[in-house]
Amino acid sequence: MLTALYVPANRPDRFAKAVAAGPDLVVFDLEDAVPVADKADARGWAVAWIAVHAQGPVEVRVNALGTPWIADDLAAISAVPAVRIRLPKVESAADVRAVLDKVPSARITALIESPLGLERAFEIATADPRVVAVALGEADLSSALGVDGPEGLAWARGRLVSASRAAGLGAPMMSVHPNVQDVDGLRRTSQEGRALGFVGRTAIHPRQLATIVEAFTPTPAQVTAAEELLAAVEKADVANGGVIVLPDGRMVDPAMIGRAREVQTLIQEIQARSR
């Protein structure tokens, strides 16, 4: 999964457009994008639309635990089979379990938006098998940490990648780039995120999707190197262990084989989504 696209749940006129834009996941936002006066209507519109129209992966970002709206959010969502919930401001495994107690069929993307949540990232990621992803809420986290710009979040981003990998969830997706007009900034920060171990990114506008896919697509050189490495491994019959030396002198161990397989799988997914 390379792209997720937020759509404000109080804008039902945008629901079909968000799906048609072609993200891998559409996130119906009941939280930050929706004014208090619109919360109830937005909840009803989102759940009704998902129940009737959703054919691909969708997720609902509910309001945070402790807010006046979370109980109604979860009650409404419980009627949608196998829904994905994007749970904001998670600070503990208990937060995750509290939601799953109310909606047992749900799968959870846990948003980590505070220093305490970041310190407990692995605990949150392993709270329950129904946790399918963890992600950062970078605006709130930046404010809480007192950092400016993406450089100040490099450590936090690396911490999240490590927690996600250690929990067996694979590479996480990056948080949004908030400036829709800043295509160069979106591309640059996405490439920086890729170097840190992220795969894919959440978007706030359809026009960001193509740039995200481009930034996280392995380069032709990376694809070729992965293919050559895996071909050499297959020829040497050491796919399940052992070490070989390639013709150019590089020693190949199991860790390199695993990374090459990840590159191969990612490029196959990208090619499949463009068909």
C-alpha atoms as a PDB file:
ATOM      1  CA  MET A   1       0.000   0.000   0.000  1.00  0.00           C
ATOM      2  CA  LEU A   2       1.545   3.273  -1.165  1.00  0.00           C
ATOM      3  CA  THR A   3      -1.203   5.872  -0.863  1.00  0.00           C
ATOM      4  CA  ALA A   4      -4.004   6.764   1.518  1.00  0.00           C
ATOM      5  CA  LEU A   5      -6.257   9.764   0.890  1.00  0.00           C
ATOM      6  CA  TYR A   6      -8.169  11.692   3.524  1.00  0.00           C
ATOM      7  CA  VAL A   7     -11.656  12.926   2.668  1.00  0.00           C
ATOM      8  CA  PRO A   8     -13.614  15.135   5.102  1.00  0.00           C
ATOM      9  CA  ALA A   9     -16.650  13.194   6.259  1.00  0.00           C
ATOM     10  CA  ASN A  10     -18.762  16.347   6.199  1.00  0.00           C
ATOM     11  CA  ARG A  11     -18.270  16.582   2.429  1.00  0.00           C
ATOM     12  CA  PRO A  12     -20.284  13.689   0.964  1.00  0.00           C
ATOM     13  CA  ASP A  13     -19.948  15.322  -2.451  1.00  0.00           C
ATOM     14  CA  ARG A  14     -16.267  14.343  -2.350  1.00  0.00           C
ATOM     15  CA  PHE A  15     -16.632  10.699  -1.324  1.00  0.00           C
ATOM     16  CA  ALA A  16     -16.931   9.199  -4.805  1.00  0.00           C
ATOM     17  CA  LYS A  17     -14.264  11.574  -6.122  1.00  0.00           C
ATOM     18  CA  ALA A  18     -11.829  10.393  -3.465  1.00  0.00           C
ATOM     19  CA  VAL A  19     -12.351   6.776  -4.465  1.00  0.00           C
ATOM     20  CA  ALA A  20     -12.080   7.639  -8.168  1.00  0.00           C
ATOM     21  CA  ALA A  21      -8.721   9.342  -7.565  1.00  0.00           C
ATOM     22  CA  GLY A  22      -7.279   5.860  -7.124  1.00  0.00           C
ATOM     23  CA  PRO A  23      -5.588   5.761  -3.702  1.00  0.00           C
ATOM     24  CA  ASP A  24      -4.923   2.385  -2.163  1.00  0.00           C
ATOM     25  CA  LEU A  25      -6.960   3.443   0.876  1.00  0.00           C
ATOM     26  CA  VAL A  26      -9.608   6.136   1.411  1.00  0.00           C
ATOM     27  CA  VAL A  27      -9.751   7.593   4.934  1.00  0.00           C
ATOM     28  CA  PHE A  28     -13.065   9.176   5.925  1.00  0.00           C
ATOM     29  CA  ASP A  29     -12.137  11.838   8.463  1.00  0.00           C
ATOM     30  CA  LEU A  30     -14.486  12.473  11.384  1.00  0.00           C
ATOM     31  CA  GLU A  31     -11.835  14.227  13.462  1.00  0.00           C
ATOM     32  CA  ASP A  32      -9.761  17.290  12.564  1.00  0.00           C
ATOM     33  CA  ALA A  33     -11.424  18.052   9.233  1.00  0.00           C
ATOM     34  CA  VAL A  34     -14.936  18.252  10.687  1.00  0.00           C
ATOM     35  CA  PRO A  35     -16.270  21.210  12.726  1.00  0.00           C
ATOM     36  CA  VAL A  36     -18.040  20.352  15.963  1.00  0.00           C
ATOM     37  CA  ALA A  37     -21.407  21.402  14.554  1.00  0.00           C
ATOM     38  CA  ASP A  38     -21.035  18.902  11.700  1.00  0.00           C
ATOM     39  CA  LYS A  39     -19.828  15.873  13.676  1.00  0.00           C
ATOM     40  CA  ALA A  40     -23.158  14.024  13.838  1.00  0.00           C
ATOM     41  CA  ASP A  41     -24.082  14.611  10.196  1.00  0.00           C
ATOM     42  CA  ALA A  42     -20.587  13.678   9.026  1.00  0.00           C
ATOM     43  CA  ARG A  43     -20.708  10.424  10.967  1.00  0.00           C
ATOM     44  CA  GLY A  44     -24.026   9.462   9.422  1.00  0.00           C
ATOM     45  CA  TRP A  45     -22.993  10.387   5.898  1.00  0.00           C
ATOM     46  CA  ALA A  46     -19.710   8.474   6.071  1.00  0.00           C
ATOM     47  CA  VAL A  47     -21.128   5.279   7.534  1.00  0.00           C
ATOM     48  CA  ALA A  48     -24.106   5.268   5.160  1.00  0.00           C
ATOM     49  CA  TRP A  49     -21.884   5.794   2.119  1.00  0.00           C
ATOM     50  CA  ILE A  50     -19.403   3.114   3.157  1.00  0.00           C
ATOM     51  CA  ALA A  51     -22.176   0.597   3.800  1.00  0.00           C
ATOM     52  CA  VAL A  52     -23.644   1.059   0.326  1.00  0.00           C
ATOM     53  CA  HIS A  53     -20.799   2.073  -1.971  1.00  0.00           C
ATOM     54  CA  ALA A  54     -17.423   1.002  -0.600  1.00  0.00           C
ATOM     55  CA  GLN A  55     -15.819  -1.712  -2.718  1.00  0.00           C
ATOM     56  CA  GLY A  56     -12.149  -1.150  -1.947  1.00  0.00           C
ATOM     57  CA  PRO A  57     -10.236  -0.543   1.275  1.00  0.00           C
ATOM     58  CA  VAL A  58     -11.637   2.271   3.430  1.00  0.00           C
ATOM     59  CA  GLU A  59     -10.818   3.528   6.878  1.00  0.00           C
ATOM     60  CA  VAL A  60     -12.564   5.912   9.260  1.00  0.00           C
ATOM     61  CA  ARG A  61     -10.573   8.323  11.384  1.00  0.00           C
ATOM     62  CA  VAL A  62     -12.703   8.617  14.483  1.00  0.00           C
ATOM     63  CA  ASN A  63     -12.468  11.241  17.180  1.00  0.00           C
ATOM     64  CA  ALA A  64     -10.026  10.602  19.998  1.00  0.00           C
ATOM     65  CA  LEU A  65     -10.794   8.685  23.144  1.00  0.00           C
ATOM     66  CA  GLY A  66     -12.067  11.032  25.826  1.00  0.00           C
ATOM     67  CA  THR A  67     -13.869  13.344  23.397  1.00  0.00           C
ATOM     68  CA  PRO A  68     -17.662  13.781  23.434  1.00  0.00           C
ATOM     69  CA  TRP A  69     -17.986  12.102  20.024  1.00  0.00           C
ATOM     70  CA  ILE A  70     -16.035   8.862  20.257  1.00  0.00           C
ATOM     71  CA  ALA A  71     -18.848   6.739  21.722  1.00  0.00           C
ATOM     72  CA  ASP A  72     -21.221   7.681  18.907  1.00  0.00           C
ATOM     73  CA  ASP A  73     -18.456   7.191  16.327  1.00  0.00           C
ATOM     74  CA  LEU A  74     -17.791   3.642  17.488  1.00  0.00           C
ATOM     75  CA  ALA A  75     -21.478   2.781  17.800  1.00  0.00           C
ATOM     76  CA  ALA A  76     -22.083   3.855  14.208  1.00  0.00           C
ATOM     77  CA  ILE A  77     -18.990   2.147  12.842  1.00  0.00           C
ATOM     78  CA  SER A  78     -19.817  -1.136  14.558  1.00  0.00           C
ATOM     79  CA  ALA A  79     -22.549  -1.631  11.956  1.00  0.00           C
ATOM     80  CA  VAL A  80     -19.968  -1.724   9.139  1.00  0.00           C
ATOM     81  CA  PRO A  81     -18.405  -5.196   8.689  1.00  0.00           C
ATOM     82  CA  ALA A  82     -14.634  -5.487   9.069  1.00  0.00           C
ATOM     83  CA  VAL A  83     -14.096  -1.747   9.150  1.00  0.00           C
ATOM     84  CA  ARG A  84     -10.664  -0.179   9.532  1.00  0.00           C
ATOM     85  CA  ILE A  85     -10.474   2.468  12.237  1.00  0.00           C
ATOM     86  CA  ARG A  86      -7.801   5.157  12.254  1.00  0.00           C
ATOM     87  CA  LEU A  87      -7.539   5.918  15.949  1.00  0.00           C
ATOM     88  CA  PRO A  88      -5.947   9.283  16.779  1.00  0.00           C
ATOM     89  CA  LYS A  89      -3.846  10.259  19.766  1.00  0.00           C
ATOM     90  CA  VAL A  90      -3.099   6.718  20.920  1.00  0.00           C
ATOM     91  CA  GLU A  91      -0.882   6.640  23.999  1.00  0.00           C
ATOM     92  CA  SER A  92      -1.118   3.049  25.215  1.00  0.00           C
ATOM     93  CA  ALA A  93      -2.127  -0.487  24.376  1.00  0.00           C
ATOM     94  CA  ALA A  94      -5.118   0.067  26.649  1.00  0.00           C
ATOM     95  CA  ASP A  95      -6.382   2.756  24.260  1.00  0.00           C
ATOM     96  CA  VAL A  96      -6.366   0.244  21.422  1.00  0.00           C
ATOM     97  CA  ARG A  97      -8.103  -2.423  23.474  1.00  0.00           C
ATOM     98  CA  ALA A  98     -10.779   0.021  24.612  1.00  0.00           C
ATOM     99  CA  VAL A  99     -11.795   0.579  20.995  1.00  0.00           C
ATOM    100  CA  LEU A 100     -11.632  -3.093  20.060  1.00  0.00           C
ATOM    101  CA  ASP A 101     -13.857  -3.933  23.017  1.00  0.00           C
ATOM    102  CA  LYS A 102     -16.515  -1.730  21.407  1.00  0.00           C
ATOM    103  CA  VAL A 103     -15.896  -2.800  17.785  1.00  0.00           C
ATOM    104  CA  PRO A 104     -14.405  -6.323  17.872  1.00  0.00           C
ATOM    105  CA  SER A 105     -14.492  -6.735  14.088  1.00  0.00           C
ATOM    106  CA  ALA A 106     -12.380  -3.650  13.466  1.00  0.00           C
ATOM    107  CA  ARG A 107      -8.785  -3.398  12.390  1.00  0.00           C
ATOM    108  CA  ILE A 108      -6.793  -0.522  13.811  1.00  0.00           C
ATOM    109  CA  THR A 109      -4.335   2.001  12.452  1.00  0.00           C
ATOM    110  CA  ALA A 110      -2.941   3.658  15.567  1.00  0.00           C
ATOM    111  CA  LEU A 111      -1.935   7.302  15.193  1.00  0.00           C
ATOM    112  CA  ILE A 112       0.865   8.310  17.537  1.00  0.00           C
ATOM    113  CA  GLU A 113       0.797  12.037  18.198  1.00  0.00           C
ATOM    114  CA  SER A 114       2.472  12.612  21.569  1.00  0.00           C
ATOM    115  CA  PRO A 115       5.840  11.943  23.229  1.00  0.00           C
ATOM    116  CA  LEU A 116       4.210   9.347  25.486  1.00  0.00           C
ATOM    117  CA  GLY A 117       2.686   7.560  22.520  1.00  0.00           C
ATOM    118  CA  LEU A 118       6.047   7.597  20.766  1.00  0.00           C
ATOM    119  CA  GLU A 119       7.792   6.091  23.781  1.00  0.00           C
ATOM    120  CA  ARG A 120       5.178   3.319  23.763  1.00  0.00           C
ATOM    121  CA  ALA A 121       5.122   2.783  19.999  1.00  0.00           C
ATOM    122  CA  PHE A 122       6.088  -0.900  20.143  1.00  0.00           C
ATOM    123  CA  GLU A 123       3.610  -1.578  22.950  1.00  0.00           C
ATOM    124  CA  ILE A 124       0.878   0.031  20.846  1.00  0.00           C
ATOM    125  CA  ALA A 125       1.890  -1.814  17.676  1.00  0.00           C
ATOM    126  CA  THR A 126       1.705  -5.155  19.505  1.00  0.00           C
ATOM    127  CA  ALA A 127      -1.405  -4.402  21.564  1.00  0.00           C
ATOM    128  CA  ASP A 128      -3.555  -6.794  19.543  1.00  0.00           C
ATOM    129  CA  PRO A 129      -3.323  -8.736  16.255  1.00  0.00           C
ATOM    130  CA  ARG A 130      -6.049  -6.442  14.917  1.00  0.00           C
ATOM    131  CA  VAL A 131      -3.591  -3.548  14.900  1.00  0.00           C
ATOM    132  CA  VAL A 132      -2.594  -3.464  11.232  1.00  0.00           C
ATOM    133  CA  ALA A 133      -0.518  -0.282  11.140  1.00  0.00           C
ATOM    134  CA  VAL A 134       0.973   2.530  13.174  1.00  0.00           C
ATOM    135  CA  ALA A 135       1.544   6.057  11.913  1.00  0.00           C
ATOM    136  CA  LEU A 136       2.587   9.454  13.178  1.00  0.00           C
ATOM    137  CA  GLY A 137       0.349  12.467  13.601  1.00  0.00           C
ATOM    138  CA  GLU A 138       3.189  14.832  12.877  1.00  0.00           C
ATOM    139  CA  ALA A 139       1.515  18.206  13.454  1.00  0.00           C
ATOM    140  CA  ASP A 140       0.524  17.420  17.030  1.00  0.00           C
ATOM    141  CA  LEU A 141       3.760  15.550  17.689  1.00  0.00           C
ATOM    142  CA  SER A 142       5.907  18.437  16.429  1.00  0.00           C
ATOM    143  CA  SER A 143       4.090  20.822  18.726  1.00  0.00           C
ATOM    144  CA  ALA A 144       4.410  18.502  21.710  1.00  0.00           C
ATOM    145  CA  LEU A 145       8.124  17.935  21.089  1.00  0.00           C
ATOM    146  CA  GLY A 146       8.835  21.596  20.379  1.00  0.00           C
ATOM    147  CA  VAL A 147      10.540  20.886  17.053  1.00  0.00           C
ATOM    148  CA  ASP A 148      10.436  22.807  13.786  1.00  0.00           C
ATOM    149  CA  GLY A 149      10.406  21.355  10.302  1.00  0.00           C
ATOM    150  CA  PRO A 150      10.876  17.792   9.114  1.00  0.00           C
ATOM    151  CA  GLU A 151      14.466  17.697  10.340  1.00  0.00           C
ATOM    152  CA  GLY A 152      13.234  17.839  13.915  1.00  0.00           C
ATOM    153  CA  LEU A 153      11.110  14.745  13.380  1.00  0.00           C
ATOM    154  CA  ALA A 154      13.819  12.512  11.923  1.00  0.00           C
ATOM    155  CA  TRP A 155      14.386  10.695  15.207  1.00  0.00           C
ATOM    156  CA  ALA A 156      10.651  10.238  15.831  1.00  0.00           C
ATOM    157  CA  ARG A 157      10.147   8.913  12.326  1.00  0.00           C
ATOM    158  CA  GLY A 158      12.972   6.431  12.744  1.00  0.00           C
ATOM    159  CA  ARG A 159      11.553   5.338  16.074  1.00  0.00           C
ATOM    160  CA  LEU A 160       8.184   4.617  14.471  1.00  0.00           C
ATOM    161  CA  VAL A 161       9.736   2.648  11.603  1.00  0.00           C
ATOM    162  CA  SER A 162      11.668   0.519  14.086  1.00  0.00           C
ATOM    163  CA  ALA A 163       8.588  -0.140  16.235  1.00  0.00           C
ATOM    164  CA  SER A 164       6.480  -1.077  13.222  1.00  0.00           C
ATOM    165  CA  ARG A 165       9.104  -3.441  11.857  1.00  0.00           C
ATOM    166  CA  ALA A 166       9.778  -4.996  15.251  1.00  0.00           C
ATOM    167  CA  ALA A 167       6.057  -5.625  15.682  1.00  0.00           C
ATOM    168  CA  GLY A 168       5.883  -7.444  12.352  1.00  0.00           C
ATOM    169  CA  LEU A 169       3.723  -4.792  10.705  1.00  0.00           C
ATOM    170  CA  GLY A 170       6.203  -3.987   7.962  1.00  0.00           C
ATOM    171  CA  ALA A 171       7.110  -0.498   6.821  1.00  0.00           C
ATOM    172  CA  PRO A 172       4.736   2.257   7.960  1.00  0.00           C
ATOM    173  CA  MET A 173       3.341   5.036   5.791  1.00  0.00           C
ATOM    174  CA  MET A 174       4.422   8.638   6.260  1.00  0.00           C
ATOM    175  CA  SER A 175       2.190  11.347   7.628  1.00  0.00           C
ATOM    176  CA  VAL A 176       0.709  13.994   5.333  1.00  0.00           C
ATOM    177  CA  HIS A 177       2.528  16.874   3.677  1.00  0.00           C
ATOM    178  CA  PRO A 178       0.197  19.743   4.624  1.00  0.00           C
ATOM    179  CA  ASN A 179       0.943  22.121   1.731  1.00  0.00           C
ATOM    180  CA  VAL A 180      -0.993  20.952  -1.323  1.00  0.00           C
ATOM    181  CA  GLN A 181       0.768  23.467  -3.587  1.00  0.00           C
ATOM    182  CA  ASP A 182       4.287  22.442  -2.532  1.00  0.00           C
ATOM    183  CA  VAL A 183       4.959  19.593  -4.930  1.00  0.00           C
ATOM    184  CA  ASP A 184       8.731  19.864  -4.587  1.00  0.00           C
ATOM    185  CA  GLY A 185       8.485  19.720  -0.807  1.00  0.00           C
ATOM    186  CA  LEU A 186       6.208  16.705  -0.995  1.00  0.00           C
ATOM    187  CA  ARG A 187       8.650  14.921  -3.284  1.00  0.00           C
ATOM    188  CA  ARG A 188      11.716  15.820  -1.231  1.00  0.00           C
ATOM    189  CA  THR A 189      10.274  14.854   2.143  1.00  0.00           C
ATOM    190  CA  SER A 190       8.825  11.649   0.712  1.00  0.00           C
ATOM    191  CA  GLN A 191      12.256  10.671  -0.582  1.00  0.00           C
ATOM    192  CA  GLU A 192      13.703  11.462   2.842  1.00  0.00           C
ATOM    193  CA  GLY A 193      11.027   9.269   4.391  1.00  0.00           C
ATOM    194  CA  ARG A 194      11.848   6.456   2.000  1.00  0.00           C
ATOM    195  CA  ALA A 195      15.481   6.658   3.120  1.00  0.00           C
ATOM    196  CA  LEU A 196      14.297   6.301   6.728  1.00  0.00           C
ATOM    197  CA  GLY A 197      12.312   3.162   5.934  1.00  0.00           C
ATOM    198  CA  PHE A 198       8.800   4.417   5.206  1.00  0.00           C
ATOM    199  CA  VAL A 199       6.848   3.023   2.278  1.00  0.00           C
ATOM    200  CA  GLY A 200       4.026   5.213   1.018  1.00  0.00           C
ATOM    201  CA  ARG A 201       2.314   8.280   2.395  1.00  0.00           C
ATOM    202  CA  THR A 202      -1.063   9.677   3.367  1.00  0.00           C
ATOM    203  CA  ALA A 203      -2.387  12.535   1.225  1.00  0.00           C
ATOM    204  CA  ILE A 204      -4.857  15.344   1.815  1.00  0.00           C
ATOM    205  CA  HIS A 205      -5.588  16.029  -1.863  1.00  0.00           C
ATOM    206  CA  PRO A 206      -5.789  13.795  -4.949  1.00  0.00           C
ATOM    207  CA  ARG A 207      -3.152  15.862  -6.740  1.00  0.00           C
ATOM    208  CA  GLN A 208      -0.551  14.600  -4.238  1.00  0.00           C
ATOM    209  CA  LEU A 209      -1.019  10.931  -5.077  1.00  0.00           C
ATOM    210  CA  ALA A 210       1.098  10.723  -8.237  1.00  0.00           C
ATOM    211  CA  THR A 211       4.043  12.453  -6.570  1.00  0.00           C
ATOM    212  CA  ILE A 212       3.868  10.075  -3.619  1.00  0.00           C
ATOM    213  CA  VAL A 213       3.890   7.020  -5.878  1.00  0.00           C
ATOM    214  CA  GLU A 214       6.802   8.452  -7.850  1.00  0.00           C
ATOM    215  CA  ALA A 215       8.824   9.205  -4.717  1.00  0.00           C
ATOM    216  CA  PHE A 216       8.402   5.741  -3.224  1.00  0.00           C
ATOM    217  CA  THR A 217       8.899   3.779  -6.438  1.00  0.00           C
ATOM    218  CA  PRO A 218      12.279   1.993  -6.491  1.00  0.00           C
ATOM    219  CA  THR A 219      14.639   3.378  -9.100  1.00  0.00           C
ATOM    220  CA  PRO A 220      15.430   1.303 -12.202  1.00  0.00           C
ATOM    221  CA  ALA A 221      18.909   0.721 -10.777  1.00  0.00           C
ATOM    222  CA  GLN A 222      17.452  -0.587  -7.514  1.00  0.00           C
ATOM    223  CA  VAL A 223      15.064  -2.884  -9.360  1.00  0.00           C
ATOM    224  CA  THR A 224      17.825  -4.228 -11.585  1.00  0.00           C
ATOM    225  CA  ALA A 225      20.133  -4.807  -8.621  1.00  0.00           C
ATOM    226  CA  ALA A 226      17.401  -6.670  -6.749  1.00  0.00           C
ATOM    227  CA  GLU A 227      16.569  -8.842  -9.751  1.00  0.00           C
ATOM    228  CA  GLU A 228      20.217  -9.694 -10.383  1.00  0.00           C
ATOM    229  CA  LEU A 229      20.789 -10.522  -6.734  1.00  0.00           C
ATOM    230  CA  LEU A 230      17.744 -12.789  -6.524  1.00  0.00           C
ATOM    231  CA  ALA A 231      18.667 -14.500  -9.786  1.00  0.00           C
ATOM    232  CA  ALA A 232      22.157 -15.202  -8.453  1.00  0.00           C
ATOM    233  CA  VAL A 233      20.696 -16.531  -5.208  1.00  0.00           C
ATOM    234  CA  GLU A 234      18.360 -18.847  -7.086  1.00  0.00           C
ATOM    235  CA  LYS A 235      21.190 -20.094  -9.279  1.00  0.00           C
ATOM    236  CA  ALA A 236      23.379 -20.769  -6.253  1.00  0.00           C
ATOM    237  CA  ASP A 237      20.484 -22.433  -4.404  1.00  0.00           C
ATOM    238  CA  VAL A 238      21.039 -20.511  -1.168  1.00  0.00           C
ATOM    239  CA  ALA A 239      17.637 -18.839  -0.907  1.00  0.00           C
ATOM    240  CA  ASN A 240      17.055 -20.247   2.562  1.00  0.00           C
ATOM    241  CA  GLY A 241      20.461 -19.599   4.033  1.00  0.00           C
ATOM    242  CA  GLY A 242      24.146 -19.328   3.304  1.00  0.00           C
ATOM    243  CA  VAL A 243      26.320 -16.683   1.716  1.00  0.00           C
ATOM    244  CA  ILE A 244      27.352 -16.189  -1.885  1.00  0.00           C
ATOM    245  CA  VAL A 245      29.672 -13.764  -3.661  1.00  0.00           C
ATOM    246  CA  LEU A 246      28.378 -11.997  -6.767  1.00  0.00           C
ATOM    247  CA  PRO A 247      30.561 -11.571  -9.869  1.00  0.00           C
ATOM    248  CA  ASP A 248      31.222  -7.932  -8.893  1.00  0.00           C
ATOM    249  CA  GLY A 249      32.642  -9.061  -5.558  1.00  0.00           C
ATOM    250  CA  ARG A 250      29.695  -8.222  -3.329  1.00  0.00           C
ATOM    251  CA  MET A 251      28.959 -10.737  -0.610  1.00  0.00           C
ATOM    252  CA  VAL A 252      25.251 -11.547  -0.292  1.00  0.00           C
ATOM    253  CA  ASP A 253      23.803 -12.598   3.039  1.00  0.00           C
ATOM    254  CA  PRO A 254      20.199 -13.334   4.098  1.00  0.00           C
ATOM    255  CA  ALA A 255      19.540  -9.719   5.102  1.00  0.00           C
ATOM    256  CA  MET A 256      20.367  -8.491   1.601  1.00  0.00           C
ATOM    257  CA  ILE A 257      18.162 -11.187   0.112  1.00  0.00           C
ATOM    258  CA  GLY A 258      15.246 -10.051   2.254  1.00  0.00           C
ATOM    259  CA  ARG A 259      15.668  -6.444   1.164  1.00  0.00           C
ATOM    260  CA  ALA A 260      15.853  -7.452  -2.499  1.00  0.00           C
ATOM    261  CA  ARG A 261      12.614  -9.380  -2.129  1.00  0.00           C
ATOM    262  CA  GLU A 262      10.951  -6.322  -0.609  1.00  0.00           C
ATOM    263  CA  VAL A 263      12.009  -4.205  -3.588  1.00  0.00           C
ATOM    264  CA  GLN A 264      10.729  -6.835  -5.990  1.00  0.00           C
ATOM    265  CA  THR A 265       7.381  -7.102  -4.193  1.00  0.00           C
ATOM    266  CA  LEU A 266       6.957  -3.330  -4.075  1.00  0.00           C
ATOM    267  CA  ILE A 267       7.610  -2.845  -7.774  1.00  0.00           C
ATOM    268  CA  GLN A 268       5.166  -5.646  -8.571  1.00  0.00           C
ATOM    269  CA  GLU A 269       2.501  -3.912  -6.476  1.00  0.00           C
ATOM    270  CA  ILE A 270       3.151  -0.608  -8.237  1.00  0.00           C
ATOM    271  CA  GLN A 271       2.926  -2.235 -11.653  1.00  0.00           C
ATOM    272  CA  ALA A 272      -0.309  -3.988 -10.686  1.00  0.00           C
ATOM    273  CA  ARG A 273      -1.998  -0.771  -9.535  1.00  0.00           C
ATOM    274  CA  SER A 274      -1.240   0.927 -12.870  1.00  0.00           C
ATOM    275  CA  ARG A 275      -2.996  -1.728 -14.941  1.00  0.00           C
END
